Protein backbone atom coordinates (compact mmCIF):
# COMPACT_ATOMS: atom_id res chain seq x y z
CA MET A 1 16.06 -8.09 21.64
CA GLY A 2 13.88 -5.07 21.23
CA HIS A 3 13.99 -3.81 17.63
CA THR A 4 10.66 -1.56 16.30
CA CYS A 5 9.88 0.40 13.90
CA SER A 6 7.41 3.01 13.34
CA ALA A 7 5.36 1.49 10.37
CA ILE A 8 4.59 -0.98 7.53
CA ILE A 9 4.02 -0.43 3.80
CA VAL A 10 2.23 -2.43 1.76
CA HIS A 11 2.50 -1.65 -1.77
CA CYS A 12 2.59 -3.70 -5.32
CA ILE A 13 5.56 -5.51 -6.72
CA ASP A 14 6.00 -3.68 -9.84
CA PHE A 15 9.54 -2.81 -10.20
CA ARG A 16 8.82 0.41 -11.92
CA LEU A 17 7.64 2.03 -7.86
CA GLY A 18 10.97 0.85 -6.39
CA PRO A 19 13.12 4.22 -6.66
CA ALA A 20 9.84 6.52 -6.25
CA ILE A 21 9.26 4.27 -3.10
CA SER A 22 12.07 4.41 -2.08
CA ASP A 23 12.79 8.44 -2.56
CA TRP A 24 9.30 8.66 -0.83
CA LEU A 25 10.49 7.00 2.44
CA LYS A 26 13.41 8.91 2.47
CA SER A 27 11.55 11.82 2.40
CA GLU A 28 8.99 11.07 5.18
CA LYS A 29 11.90 10.24 7.17
CA LEU A 30 10.56 5.72 7.33
CA MET A 31 13.98 4.42 5.58
CA GLY A 32 15.08 2.12 7.87
CA ASP A 33 12.12 2.58 10.02
CA CYS A 34 9.39 0.83 8.39
CA ASP A 35 8.72 -2.63 7.30
CA ILE A 36 8.28 -3.43 3.88
CA VAL A 37 5.57 -5.90 2.10
CA GLY A 38 5.24 -6.07 -1.85
CA ILE A 39 2.08 -7.99 -2.93
CA ALA A 40 0.58 -7.91 -6.57
CA GLY A 41 -2.28 -5.47 -6.40
CA ALA A 42 -1.71 -4.05 -2.92
CA ALA A 43 -4.87 -3.28 -1.37
CA LYS A 44 -6.65 -5.12 -3.89
CA ASN A 45 -6.02 -8.05 -1.77
CA PHE A 46 -8.59 -6.97 1.10
CA ASN A 47 -10.99 -9.35 -0.15
CA GLY A 48 -11.84 -11.44 2.19
CA GLU A 49 -9.83 -14.54 0.18
CA LYS A 50 -6.70 -16.34 0.97
CA ASP A 51 -4.05 -13.55 -0.23
CA GLU A 52 -6.07 -10.98 2.42
CA ASP A 53 -5.02 -13.75 5.24
CA VAL A 54 -1.28 -13.87 3.88
CA LEU A 55 -1.26 -9.71 3.81
CA MET A 56 -2.98 -9.54 7.46
CA THR A 57 -0.32 -12.47 8.80
CA GLN A 58 2.26 -9.57 7.94
CA ILE A 59 0.94 -6.93 9.22
CA GLU A 60 0.04 -8.72 12.34
CA ILE A 61 3.76 -9.74 12.49
CA SER A 62 4.58 -6.28 12.29
CA SER A 63 2.20 -5.08 14.88
CA LYS A 64 3.46 -8.01 17.33
CA LEU A 65 7.48 -7.92 16.73
CA HIS A 66 8.31 -4.47 15.62
CA GLU A 67 5.43 -2.57 17.44
CA ILE A 68 4.57 -0.62 14.52
CA LYS A 69 1.97 2.82 15.16
CA LYS A 70 0.75 2.95 11.37
CA VAL A 71 0.26 0.82 8.01
CA ILE A 72 0.99 2.58 4.61
CA LEU A 73 -1.59 1.10 2.02
CA MET A 74 0.05 2.16 -1.74
CA ASN A 75 -1.94 1.13 -4.71
CA HIS A 76 -0.76 2.46 -7.96
CA THR A 77 -2.02 3.26 -11.48
CA ASP A 78 -1.84 1.08 -14.78
CA CYS A 79 -1.21 -2.11 -12.26
CA GLY A 80 -1.10 -5.24 -13.93
CA ALA A 81 -3.31 -6.77 -11.19
CA TYR A 82 -6.00 -4.40 -11.97
CA GLY A 83 -5.54 -5.13 -15.80
CA GLY A 84 -3.40 -2.00 -16.44
CA ARG A 85 -4.12 0.94 -17.29
CA ALA A 86 -6.07 -0.24 -20.37
CA ALA A 87 -8.68 -1.82 -18.28
CA PHE A 88 -10.40 1.31 -17.11
CA GLU A 89 -12.52 3.49 -19.47
CA ASN A 90 -10.49 6.98 -18.39
CA ARG A 91 -8.24 8.33 -15.94
CA GLU A 92 -11.18 8.89 -12.84
CA VAL A 93 -12.61 5.47 -12.97
CA GLU A 94 -8.80 4.11 -12.81
CA ASP A 95 -8.36 6.54 -9.68
CA THR A 96 -11.97 5.70 -8.22
CA THR A 97 -11.24 2.06 -8.51
CA HIS A 98 -8.01 2.87 -6.45
CA SER A 99 -9.71 4.85 -3.95
CA ASP A 100 -12.52 2.65 -3.20
CA ALA A 101 -9.77 -0.47 -2.91
CA LEU A 102 -7.44 1.49 -0.70
CA SER A 103 -10.65 2.69 1.41
CA HIS A 104 -12.03 -0.91 1.78
CA GLY A 105 -8.39 -2.31 3.06
CA ALA A 106 -8.17 0.95 5.61
CA ASP A 107 -11.88 -0.35 7.27
CA VAL A 108 -10.50 -3.67 7.08
CA LEU A 109 -7.62 -3.33 8.89
CA LYS A 110 -9.25 -0.65 11.63
CA GLU A 111 -11.95 -3.42 12.20
CA LYS A 112 -9.25 -6.06 12.90
CA LEU A 113 -6.30 -3.90 14.11
CA PRO A 114 -8.00 -0.83 15.28
CA HIS A 115 -4.79 0.22 17.35
CA LEU A 116 -3.30 0.93 14.18
CA GLU A 117 -3.44 4.29 12.11
CA VAL A 118 -3.62 3.74 8.37
CA GLN A 119 -2.16 5.80 5.49
CA LYS A 120 -3.90 5.64 2.19
CA MET A 121 -1.21 6.29 -0.76
CA ILE A 122 -1.71 6.45 -4.58
CA ALA A 123 1.41 5.95 -6.90
CA GLN A 124 0.66 7.86 -10.14
CA ILE A 125 2.39 6.28 -12.90
CA GLU A 126 2.08 8.85 -15.60
CA PRO A 127 2.47 7.61 -19.47
CA ASP A 128 5.97 9.05 -19.81
CA GLY A 129 7.11 6.93 -16.86
CA THR A 130 7.25 9.60 -14.13
CA ILE A 131 5.78 8.40 -10.93
CA HIS A 132 4.12 10.87 -8.34
CA ILE A 133 2.93 9.56 -4.82
CA GLU A 134 0.13 11.07 -3.60
CA SER A 135 -2.29 10.63 -0.12
CA ILE A 136 -5.33 9.62 -0.56
CA ILE A 137 -8.31 10.93 1.89
């Protein structure tokens, strides 16, 4: 048996992200070495409700079966689960909302699965459709 991988990435289901996430995973040498979970809103689901249970189950299974060392949480701008870009008064408010959700998700994970590293990422979808993936500190 014994098949392991380095990480799990949790990102939104938004189809626009596919090529950018694939390129990012390749650049990080994680393609083929990473479990992948797509769930609407990504880190927004760390809210103590049913969706958090579903998400935590996936991460716990990945940890147990594939011995991951890291969870990558990736939100994106213009996310429909948050109401899209129009739901925010400006880009700064949108970025802060995602940063806060990612930080909260990281805190939940560190409490429940302290042996795992958590990396917070944001995929910035620009109005012209280009996507830039950045780390959130």
